[in-house]
């Protein structure tokens, strides 16, 4: 396994602060400016459903956006389905975003605001609903942040998070092999299968021939490898269930910054590179009595990946008012809490309505995405924020506590903490306080590299080097929570 060798000691636990609070009122629906795609009429014979989630995948890495030949399988899928040009993650982190897809909730509602948290039992999962509707349910995940112990396995008959002894992830070809085995072994009942691919996560090391085909950009090489396996998975799924009908939904969980706005990876900021993701829905309609195929097309209104929950339920025979194909337009929200929870910086929330995007991080940013997709010109001095957008942004709770384990038995073991550390996820016990004069993460990008470097040194037990790195950070950010705790350790 290419990243298994990165396993090292992580000496501190994740910040544990409990999820609570009631939901804010749902944003009022607004008229859509795009042409609607047809949504299938439901029947007594629901189709088999494939949900594919692409980890760390930018929307503009898709060939159907860039014009490159990087993703022929996903391009073909998009050509015969509906693709959403402005789909957004709920957070730029793996576990919170997937928790939103499988519950239909924003992170402040389900309580999972960063990796290594726990989705509480009182939040109903998509698999639980589908089991009740007569589906067989199975999942094959590829990265330890989605290990079943964190709560997403509840409701699945089969949850494959076996990465191998000492491994923290599984490559796309092995994941596809496992998924195809599950497809072949299922019975006559309709199947809901969720398959997660982790490959584009840093460090990027695509296998051949994808490495040679993308010598200057191994990130795209990883995506090309993943795309080839998505194609193999889709072929196997559609062949197996063509007689009874299929529905396929492909969604990114978050993107990768790749230098945008001073961020190389993800998790710290809320700009388009990490929050806008691929989202495709496809349905053949053959034999399932559900009104025929989903008509191909492109949608331009903003949508949230949390609506995966509603859409899959709609396909299964449970009518929902907010499915992706027929639901009303709404204010789309998202958050990035890592800098607050780990460093004590300002919490961040975004809201998107139409072509306008606003970010609150101790101060306000406003962008017109139609003329400024790179978010280079803050319009806060020139534009009055639309009241509906402003209300949604202001109402989003930032101080809701994060989810605790359901019992001491579900707390991460030392081995689990090491496995998370191998992927760069290291936390500790503590409770950050919101301070009015805390820095905005967008103004601290000059420290991102040092924080990542110091964290890597720390988990490799290179403590002398970590001390040197963190002391330099502390001179520029004296109240940095993570740095202070790790120096103490």
Protein backbone atom coordinates (compact mmCIF):
# COMPACT_ATOMS: atom_id res chain seq x y z
CA UNK A 1 0.00 0.00 0.00
CA UNK A 2 1.60 3.23 -1.09
CA UNK A 3 0.79 5.19 2.09
CA UNK A 4 0.94 2.44 4.71
CA UNK A 5 4.58 3.23 5.47
CA UNK A 6 3.52 6.63 6.79
CA UNK A 7 2.15 5.05 10.02
CA UNK A 8 3.75 6.78 13.02
CA UNK A 9 2.98 7.60 16.65
CA UNK A 10 0.26 10.17 17.40
CA UNK A 11 0.46 11.18 21.05
CA UNK A 12 -2.69 13.14 21.48
CA UNK A 13 -6.43 12.62 21.13
CA UNK A 14 -8.99 14.49 19.04
CA UNK A 15 -10.76 17.56 20.43
CA UNK A 16 -14.01 16.26 21.94
CA UNK A 17 -16.85 18.68 22.24
CA UNK A 18 -20.48 17.24 22.02
CA UNK A 19 -23.06 17.90 19.28
CA UNK A 20 -26.15 19.72 20.44
CA UNK A 21 -28.63 22.36 19.45
CA UNK A 22 -31.71 22.52 17.29
CA UNK A 23 -31.82 23.01 13.57
CA UNK A 24 -32.02 26.44 12.05
CA UNK A 25 -35.02 26.96 9.81
CA UNK A 26 -34.45 25.66 6.32
CA UNK A 27 -33.70 28.37 3.73
CA UNK A 28 -36.77 29.47 1.82
CA UNK A 29 -36.99 27.98 -1.69
CA UNK A 30 -36.31 30.21 -4.66
CA UNK A 31 -37.04 29.78 -8.33
CA UNK A 32 -34.50 27.84 -10.37
CA UNK A 33 -32.91 29.54 -13.36
CA UNK A 34 -31.97 26.28 -15.03
CA UNK A 35 -34.03 23.93 -17.12
CA UNK A 36 -35.35 21.02 -15.02
CA UNK A 37 -34.42 17.45 -15.75
CA UNK A 38 -37.03 14.77 -15.50
CA UNK A 39 -37.31 12.83 -12.26
CA UNK A 40 -38.52 9.25 -12.45
CA UNK A 41 -42.02 8.40 -11.30
CA UNK A 42 -41.87 5.83 -8.53
CA UNK A 43 -43.16 2.26 -8.70
CA UNK A 44 -43.48 -0.86 -6.56
CA UNK A 45 -40.25 -2.22 -8.06
CA UNK A 46 -37.48 0.17 -7.10
CA UNK A 47 -34.21 0.21 -9.02
CA UNK A 48 -30.85 -0.87 -7.67
CA UNK A 49 -28.83 2.19 -6.67
CA UNK A 50 -25.07 2.81 -6.88
CA UNK A 51 -23.59 5.70 -4.92
CA UNK A 52 -19.96 6.48 -5.81
CA UNK A 53 -18.05 9.05 -3.76
CA UNK A 54 -14.77 10.51 -5.00
CA UNK A 55 -12.44 11.70 -2.26
CA UNK A 56 -10.41 14.90 -2.68
CA UNK A 57 -11.67 15.47 -6.24
CA UNK A 58 -12.02 18.96 -7.68
CA UNK A 59 -14.90 19.63 -10.04
CA UNK A 60 -12.55 21.15 -12.62
CA UNK A 61 -10.46 17.96 -12.69
CA UNK A 62 -13.24 16.32 -14.71
CA UNK A 63 -12.68 16.10 -18.43
CA UNK A 64 -16.18 17.37 -19.15
CA UNK A 65 -15.11 20.65 -17.50
CA UNK A 66 -11.45 20.93 -18.47
CA UNK A 67 -11.61 19.41 -21.95
CA UNK A 68 -8.74 17.06 -21.05
CA UNK A 69 -8.90 13.31 -21.61
CA UNK A 70 -8.33 12.53 -17.94
CA UNK A 71 -11.73 11.08 -17.01
CA UNK A 72 -13.31 9.30 -20.00
CA UNK A 73 -15.50 7.04 -17.85
CA UNK A 74 -16.95 9.89 -15.81
CA UNK A 75 -17.30 11.99 -18.96
CA UNK A 76 -19.36 9.22 -20.56
CA UNK A 77 -21.49 8.95 -17.45
CA UNK A 78 -22.08 12.71 -17.39
CA UNK A 79 -23.02 12.69 -21.08
CA UNK A 80 -25.93 10.32 -20.46
CA UNK A 81 -27.06 11.78 -17.16
CA UNK A 82 -27.48 15.07 -15.36
CA UNK A 83 -24.40 16.87 -14.11
CA UNK A 84 -24.55 19.68 -11.58
CA UNK A 85 -22.06 22.40 -12.39
CA UNK A 86 -22.29 24.02 -8.96
CA UNK A 87 -22.42 21.23 -6.41
CA UNK A 88 -20.89 21.92 -3.01
CA UNK A 89 -19.46 19.86 -0.18
CA UNK A 90 -20.75 20.64 3.31
CA UNK A 91 -17.16 20.72 4.62
CA UNK A 92 -13.69 20.34 3.04
CA UNK A 93 -13.07 17.18 5.10
CA UNK A 94 -13.88 13.52 4.37
CA UNK A 95 -15.94 12.30 7.34
CA UNK A 96 -18.17 15.38 7.86
CA UNK A 97 -19.02 15.57 4.16
CA UNK A 98 -19.90 11.88 3.92
CA UNK A 99 -21.92 12.10 7.12
CA UNK A 100 -23.96 14.83 5.42
CA UNK A 101 -24.58 12.69 2.35
CA UNK A 102 -25.76 9.75 4.45
CA UNK A 103 -27.98 11.76 6.84
CA UNK A 104 -29.11 14.76 4.77
CA UNK A 105 -27.84 17.07 7.54
CA UNK A 106 -25.30 19.86 7.73
CA UNK A 107 -22.29 19.26 10.03
CA UNK A 108 -23.67 21.47 12.79
CA UNK A 109 -26.76 19.21 12.82
CA UNK A 110 -25.07 15.81 12.77
CA UNK A 111 -22.16 16.94 14.97
CA UNK A 112 -19.27 15.56 12.87
CA UNK A 113 -17.19 18.65 12.17
CA UNK A 114 -13.82 17.06 11.44
CA UNK A 115 -12.33 13.60 10.98
CA UNK A 116 -12.09 11.16 13.93
CA UNK A 117 -15.49 12.24 15.29
CA UNK A 118 -18.49 9.97 15.81
CA UNK A 119 -21.87 10.08 14.12
CA UNK A 120 -24.39 9.62 16.93
CA UNK A 121 -26.90 6.79 16.81
CA UNK A 122 -29.89 9.14 16.96
CA UNK A 123 -29.17 10.42 13.43
CA UNK A 124 -30.93 8.10 10.98
CA UNK A 125 -28.68 6.86 8.21
CA UNK A 126 -29.58 6.37 4.56
CA UNK A 127 -28.82 2.65 4.76
CA UNK A 128 -31.27 2.23 7.64
CA UNK A 129 -34.05 3.82 5.60
CA UNK A 130 -33.26 1.69 2.56
CA UNK A 131 -33.18 -1.52 4.57
CA UNK A 132 -36.67 -0.66 5.76
CA UNK A 133 -37.70 -0.18 2.12
CA UNK A 134 -36.62 -3.70 1.20
CA UNK A 135 -33.11 -3.05 -0.11
CA UNK A 136 -29.98 -5.07 0.45
CA UNK A 137 -27.31 -2.61 1.55
CA UNK A 138 -23.52 -2.76 1.18
CA UNK A 139 -20.57 -0.39 1.25
CA UNK A 140 -16.91 -0.59 0.25
CA UNK A 141 -14.82 2.31 1.56
CA UNK A 142 -11.18 3.02 0.80
CA UNK A 143 -9.78 5.26 3.55
CA UNK A 144 -9.54 4.98 7.33
CA UNK A 145 -11.38 8.28 8.01
CA UNK A 146 -14.54 6.36 6.96
CA UNK A 147 -13.84 3.27 9.06
CA UNK A 148 -17.07 1.82 10.40
CA UNK A 149 -16.28 2.66 14.02
CA UNK A 150 -16.92 6.34 13.29
CA UNK A 151 -20.60 5.62 12.76
CA UNK A 152 -21.30 5.40 9.04
CA UNK A 153 -21.53 1.60 9.03
CA UNK A 154 -24.78 1.59 10.98
CA UNK A 155 -27.61 0.22 8.82
CA UNK A 156 -25.39 -1.51 6.24
CA UNK A 157 -25.63 -5.30 6.03
CA UNK A 158 -22.09 -5.34 4.69
CA UNK A 159 -19.48 -2.61 5.40
CA UNK A 160 -16.06 -3.35 3.94
CA UNK A 161 -13.42 -1.20 5.63
CA UNK A 162 -10.72 -3.89 5.71
CA UNK A 163 -7.65 -2.16 4.25
CA UNK A 164 -5.22 -4.89 5.25
CA UNK A 165 -2.93 -5.28 8.25
CA UNK A 166 -1.36 -1.93 9.12
CA UNK A 167 -2.84 -0.19 6.07
CA UNK A 168 -4.83 3.04 6.12
CA UNK A 169 -6.26 3.00 2.60
CA UNK A 170 -6.99 0.75 -0.35
CA UNK A 171 -6.25 1.55 -4.03
CA UNK A 172 -9.07 1.93 -6.51
CA UNK A 173 -8.54 -1.39 -8.30
CA UNK A 174 -8.77 -3.38 -5.07
CA UNK A 175 -11.86 -1.42 -4.03
CA UNK A 176 -13.55 -2.12 -7.36
CA UNK A 177 -12.72 -5.83 -7.06
CA UNK A 178 -14.40 -5.93 -3.63
CA UNK A 179 -17.45 -4.04 -4.91
CA UNK A 180 -17.87 -6.32 -7.93
CA UNK A 181 -17.71 -9.35 -5.64
CA UNK A 182 -20.55 -7.86 -3.61
CA UNK A 183 -22.57 -7.14 -6.77
CA UNK A 184 -22.18 -10.73 -7.97
CA UNK A 185 -23.12 -12.22 -4.62
CA UNK A 186 -26.28 -10.23 -3.98
CA UNK A 187 -29.68 -11.84 -4.32
CA UNK A 188 -32.82 -10.81 -6.18
CA UNK A 189 -33.75 -7.86 -3.94
CA UNK A 190 -32.72 -4.38 -5.14
CA UNK A 191 -29.26 -3.37 -3.96
CA UNK A 192 -28.01 -0.09 -2.55
CA UNK A 193 -24.24 -0.07 -2.93
CA UNK A 194 -21.99 2.78 -1.76
CA UNK A 195 -18.41 2.69 -3.08
CA UNK A 196 -15.82 5.22 -1.92
CA UNK A 197 -12.50 5.91 -3.70
CA UNK A 198 -9.69 7.61 -1.78
CA UNK A 199 -6.88 7.74 -4.36
CA UNK A 200 -6.45 11.47 -5.11
CA UNK A 201 -5.50 12.09 -1.48
CA UNK A 202 -1.94 13.38 -0.96
CA UNK A 203 0.76 12.04 -1.37
CA UNK A 204 -0.08 11.47 -5.03
CA UNK A 205 1.45 8.29 -6.44
CA UNK A 206 -0.59 6.93 -9.36
CA UNK A 207 0.25 3.49 -10.76
CA UNK A 208 1.31 2.92 -14.33
CA UNK A 209 0.35 3.76 -17.00
CA UNK A 210 -1.33 6.74 -15.31
CA UNK A 211 1.88 8.06 -13.76
CA UNK A 212 3.59 8.20 -17.17
CA UNK A 213 0.53 9.72 -18.80
CA UNK A 214 0.57 12.57 -16.27
CA UNK A 215 4.28 13.05 -15.51
CA UNK A 216 3.92 16.64 -14.39
CA UNK A 217 0.74 16.24 -12.39
CA UNK A 218 0.44 13.07 -10.29
CA UNK A 219 -2.80 14.39 -8.76
CA UNK A 220 -4.46 14.11 -12.17
CA UNK A 221 -2.77 10.74 -12.60
CA UNK A 222 -4.52 9.55 -9.43
CA UNK A 223 -7.85 10.83 -10.76
CA UNK A 224 -7.30 9.10 -14.10
CA UNK A 225 -6.61 5.81 -12.30
CA UNK A 226 -9.72 6.26 -10.16
CA UNK A 227 -11.78 7.09 -13.26
CA UNK A 228 -10.77 3.86 -14.95
CA UNK A 229 -11.98 1.90 -11.92
CA UNK A 230 -15.24 3.85 -11.73
CA UNK A 231 -15.83 2.80 -15.33
CA UNK A 232 -15.23 -0.85 -14.46
CA UNK A 233 -17.56 -0.59 -11.47
CA UNK A 234 -20.36 1.04 -13.44
CA UNK A 235 -20.12 -1.57 -16.19
CA UNK A 236 -20.40 -4.39 -13.67
CA UNK A 237 -23.26 -2.77 -11.80
CA UNK A 238 -25.33 -1.97 -14.88
CA UNK A 239 -24.74 -5.41 -16.41
CA UNK A 240 -25.92 -7.12 -13.23
CA UNK A 241 -29.04 -4.99 -12.68
CA UNK A 242 -30.03 -3.85 -16.17
CA UNK A 243 -33.15 -6.03 -16.22
CA UNK A 244 -34.57 -4.39 -13.09
CA UNK A 245 -33.29 -0.86 -13.62
CA UNK A 246 -30.47 1.19 -12.17
CA UNK A 247 -29.80 4.61 -10.71
CA UNK A 248 -26.25 5.92 -10.28
CA UNK A 249 -25.12 8.97 -8.31
CA UNK A 250 -21.48 10.12 -8.33
CA UNK A 251 -20.38 12.85 -5.90
CA UNK A 252 -17.14 14.33 -4.67
CA UNK A 253 -16.78 14.74 -0.93
CA UNK A 254 -14.49 17.77 -1.24
CA UNK A 255 -11.76 19.04 -3.53
CA UNK A 256 -8.07 19.91 -3.26
CA UNK A 257 -6.84 23.51 -3.19
CA UNK A 258 -3.67 22.95 -5.26
CA UNK A 259 -2.36 26.39 -4.36
CA UNK A 260 -5.61 28.34 -4.63
CA UNK A 261 -5.68 31.21 -2.14
CA UNK A 262 -2.45 30.00 -0.54
CA UNK A 263 -3.71 26.53 0.42
CA UNK A 264 -2.06 23.43 -1.05
CA UNK A 265 -4.30 20.65 0.30
CA UNK A 266 -7.72 21.02 1.95
CA UNK A 267 -9.49 21.55 5.26
CA UNK A 268 -8.48 25.12 6.06
CA UNK A 269 -10.50 27.34 3.72
CA UNK A 270 -13.85 27.51 1.89
CA UNK A 271 -12.93 28.59 -1.62
CA UNK A 272 -14.15 26.88 -4.79
CA UNK A 273 -11.23 24.51 -5.26
CA UNK A 274 -12.04 22.61 -2.08
CA UNK A 275 -15.81 23.13 -1.89
CA UNK A 276 -17.09 22.74 -5.48
CA UNK A 277 -17.24 19.06 -6.40
CA UNK A 278 -18.39 16.77 -9.24
CA UNK A 279 -22.00 15.58 -9.01
CA UNK A 280 -23.65 13.34 -11.63
CA UNK A 281 -26.94 11.40 -11.62
CA UNK A 282 -27.80 8.71 -14.16
CA UNK A 283 -30.78 6.38 -14.52
CA UNK A 284 -31.50 3.93 -17.32
CA UNK A 285 -35.10 3.25 -16.34
CA UNK A 286 -35.03 -0.16 -18.02
CA UNK A 287 -37.45 -2.61 -16.50
CA UNK A 288 -37.98 -0.79 -13.23
CA UNK A 289 -41.31 0.85 -14.02
CA UNK A 290 -39.96 4.19 -12.85
CA UNK A 291 -40.79 6.25 -15.86
CA UNK A 292 -37.77 5.66 -18.10
CA UNK A 293 -34.30 7.08 -18.13
CA UNK A 294 -33.28 10.32 -16.48
CA UNK A 295 -32.99 12.81 -19.31
CA UNK A 296 -29.42 14.05 -19.88
CA UNK A 297 -28.64 17.66 -19.15
CA UNK A 298 -26.68 20.16 -17.11
CA UNK A 299 -27.94 22.11 -14.12
CA UNK A 300 -26.52 25.44 -13.04
CA UNK A 301 -28.20 26.16 -9.69
CA UNK A 302 -26.15 25.59 -6.53
CA UNK A 303 -26.86 22.30 -4.77
CA UNK A 304 -25.47 20.61 -1.67
CA UNK A 305 -24.12 17.06 -1.50
CA UNK A 306 -26.35 16.57 1.54
CA UNK A 307 -29.21 16.18 -0.95
CA UNK A 308 -27.75 12.80 -1.93
CA UNK A 309 -29.81 11.52 1.00
CA UNK A 310 -33.10 12.86 -0.36
CA UNK A 311 -32.39 11.82 -3.93
CA UNK A 312 -31.61 8.20 -3.12
CA UNK A 313 -34.69 7.98 -0.91
CA UNK A 314 -36.81 9.38 -3.74
CA UNK A 315 -35.46 6.68 -6.07
CA UNK A 316 -36.19 3.98 -3.50
CA UNK A 317 -39.87 4.88 -3.34
CA UNK A 318 -39.88 7.37 -0.45
CA UNK A 319 -41.05 10.74 -1.81
CA UNK A 320 -38.83 13.65 -0.75
CA UNK A 321 -39.33 17.36 -1.30
CA UNK A 322 -35.63 18.21 -1.71
CA UNK A 323 -34.22 15.65 -4.11
CA UNK A 324 -31.63 16.94 -6.56
CA UNK A 325 -33.75 16.58 -9.68
CA UNK A 326 -37.04 18.10 -8.56
CA UNK A 327 -36.30 19.91 -5.30
CA UNK A 328 -36.51 23.71 -5.06
CA UNK A 329 -33.46 25.93 -5.21
CA UNK A 330 -32.11 26.91 -1.82
CA UNK A 331 -29.26 28.66 -0.06
CA UNK A 332 -26.38 26.18 0.00
CA UNK A 333 -24.24 26.24 3.14
CA UNK A 334 -20.87 24.87 4.19
CA UNK A 335 -18.31 25.16 6.96
CA UNK A 336 -14.57 24.76 7.63
CA UNK A 337 -13.97 24.28 11.35
CA UNK A 338 -10.49 22.73 11.42
CA UNK A 339 -8.66 26.07 11.89
CA UNK A 340 -11.03 26.96 14.74
CA UNK A 341 -10.96 23.57 16.48
CA UNK A 342 -7.23 23.03 16.06
CA UNK A 343 -5.63 26.46 15.99
CA UNK A 344 -8.18 28.67 17.73
CA UNK A 345 -8.68 30.85 14.64
CA UNK A 346 -12.03 32.18 13.43
CA UNK A 347 -14.68 29.60 12.46
CA UNK A 348 -15.74 29.79 8.81
CA UNK A 349 -19.14 29.48 7.13
CA UNK A 350 -20.09 29.94 3.48
CA UNK A 351 -23.45 30.50 1.79
CA UNK A 352 -24.21 30.34 -1.94
CA UNK A 353 -27.36 31.56 -3.67
CA UNK A 354 -27.51 31.85 -7.44
CA UNK A 355 -24.15 33.24 -8.56
CA UNK A 356 -23.36 34.94 -5.26
CA UNK A 357 -21.13 33.38 -2.63
CA UNK A 358 -20.47 34.81 0.82
CA UNK A 359 -17.94 33.66 3.41
CA UNK A 360 -17.98 34.65 7.09
CA UNK A 361 -14.70 34.22 8.96
CA UNK A 362 -14.67 37.06 11.46
CA UNK A 363 -15.21 39.35 8.48
CA UNK A 364 -17.31 39.11 5.34
CA UNK A 365 -16.33 38.17 1.79
CA UNK A 366 -18.72 38.39 -1.17
CA UNK A 367 -18.00 37.01 -4.65
CA UNK A 368 -19.86 36.97 -7.96
CA UNK A 369 -19.04 33.49 -9.25
CA UNK A 370 -20.36 34.22 -12.73
CA UNK A 371 -17.70 36.88 -13.38
CA UNK A 372 -15.11 35.88 -10.78
CA UNK A 373 -15.01 32.07 -10.43
CA UNK A 374 -11.55 32.30 -8.88
CA UNK A 375 -12.88 34.50 -6.04
CA UNK A 376 -10.17 37.10 -6.53
CA UNK A 377 -12.26 40.25 -5.98
CA UNK A 378 -14.11 40.69 -2.70
CA UNK A 379 -17.23 42.76 -3.38
CA UNK A 380 -18.02 43.50 0.26
CA UNK A 381 -17.48 47.25 -0.21
CA UNK A 382 -19.45 47.42 -3.44
CA UNK A 383 -22.34 45.00 -2.93
CA UNK A 384 -25.14 44.72 -0.41
CA UNK A 385 -25.68 41.10 0.51
CA UNK A 386 -29.10 39.80 -0.46
CA UNK A 387 -31.18 39.53 2.76
CA UNK A 388 -31.99 35.86 2.28
CA UNK A 389 -28.31 35.02 1.84
CA UNK A 390 -27.31 37.18 4.77
CA UNK A 391 -29.88 35.60 7.06
CA UNK A 392 -28.77 32.08 6.19
CA UNK A 393 -25.12 32.97 6.77
CA UNK A 394 -25.82 34.63 10.10
CA UNK A 395 -28.09 31.83 11.33
CA UNK A 396 -25.57 29.03 10.77
CA UNK A 397 -24.37 27.89 14.22
CA UNK A 398 -20.58 27.88 14.55
CA UNK A 399 -20.29 26.98 18.22
CA UNK A 400 -22.33 23.79 18.20
CA UNK A 401 -20.15 21.21 19.88
CA UNK A 402 -18.59 18.32 18.02
CA UNK A 403 -19.73 14.77 18.49
CA UNK A 404 -18.37 12.54 21.24
CA UNK A 405 -18.00 8.75 21.01
CA UNK A 406 -21.12 6.91 22.09
CA UNK A 407 -19.12 5.12 24.81
CA UNK A 408 -15.56 4.59 25.92
CA UNK A 409 -15.55 1.44 23.79
CA UNK A 410 -15.78 3.56 20.63
CA UNK A 411 -12.96 5.95 21.48
CA UNK A 412 -9.96 5.67 19.14
CA UNK A 413 -7.38 3.17 20.31
CA UNK A 414 -3.71 4.01 20.15
CA UNK A 415 -3.53 1.99 16.93
CA UNK A 416 -6.44 3.93 15.46
CA UNK A 417 -4.82 7.23 16.41
CA UNK A 418 -1.67 6.09 14.63
CA UNK A 419 -3.66 5.15 11.53
CA UNK A 420 -5.30 8.59 11.45
CA UNK A 421 -1.92 10.22 12.00
CA UNK A 422 -0.58 8.33 8.99
CA UNK A 423 -3.07 10.28 6.88
CA UNK A 424 -2.19 13.59 8.52
CA UNK A 425 -5.09 13.73 10.97
CA UNK A 426 -3.84 14.39 14.49
CA UNK A 427 -5.86 15.92 17.33
CA UNK A 428 -5.88 16.27 21.08
CA UNK A 429 -8.19 16.94 24.02
CA UNK A 430 -9.25 20.54 24.51
CA UNK A 431 -12.01 23.04 23.90
CA UNK A 432 -11.26 26.14 21.82
CA UNK A 433 -12.99 29.39 22.73
CA UNK A 434 -14.24 31.83 20.13
CA UNK A 435 -12.30 35.07 20.42
CA UNK A 436 -13.32 38.21 18.58
CA UNK A 437 -9.72 39.12 17.80
CA UNK A 438 -8.73 35.64 16.62
CA UNK A 439 -7.21 35.69 13.12
CA UNK A 440 -9.14 34.78 10.01
CA UNK A 441 -7.72 31.62 8.40
CA UNK A 442 -7.47 33.38 5.03
CA UNK A 443 -4.93 35.76 6.60
CA UNK A 444 -2.82 32.92 8.00
CA UNK A 445 -2.00 31.03 4.81
CA UNK A 446 1.70 31.85 5.29
CA UNK A 447 1.64 29.42 8.23
CA UNK A 448 -0.13 26.51 6.52
CA UNK A 449 3.07 24.91 5.20
CA UNK A 450 4.86 25.22 8.54
CA UNK A 451 1.85 23.81 10.40
CA UNK A 452 1.70 20.86 8.01
CA UNK A 453 5.46 20.35 8.21
CA UNK A 454 5.51 20.54 12.00
CA UNK A 455 2.57 18.13 12.24
CA UNK A 456 4.35 15.65 9.95
CA UNK A 457 7.51 15.92 12.04
CA UNK A 458 5.47 15.41 15.20
CA UNK A 459 3.75 12.24 14.03
CA UNK A 460 7.10 10.86 12.77
CA UNK A 461 8.44 11.43 16.30
CA UNK A 462 10.99 13.91 14.98
CA UNK A 463 10.44 15.99 18.08
CA UNK A 464 13.56 18.17 17.92
CA UNK A 465 12.66 19.26 14.39
CA UNK A 466 8.99 19.72 15.35
CA UNK A 467 9.98 21.95 18.28
CA UNK A 468 12.02 24.17 15.98
CA UNK A 469 9.18 24.42 13.46
CA UNK A 470 6.46 25.05 16.04
CA UNK A 471 8.47 27.65 17.94
CA UNK A 472 8.77 29.66 14.73
CA UNK A 473 5.00 29.37 14.21
CA UNK A 474 4.33 30.44 17.78
CA UNK A 475 6.29 33.65 17.28
CA UNK A 476 3.81 34.62 14.56
CA UNK A 477 0.70 33.11 16.17
CA UNK A 478 1.27 33.10 19.97
CA UNK A 479 -2.19 31.71 20.82
CA UNK A 480 -2.18 28.80 18.37
CA UNK A 481 -3.91 25.98 20.24
CA UNK A 482 -2.45 23.03 18.35
CA UNK A 483 1.10 24.32 18.48
CA UNK A 484 0.92 25.03 22.20
CA UNK A 485 -0.44 21.55 22.98
CA UNK A 486 2.09 19.75 20.80
CA UNK A 487 4.98 21.71 22.25
CA UNK A 488 3.71 20.75 25.69
CA UNK A 489 3.63 17.10 24.65
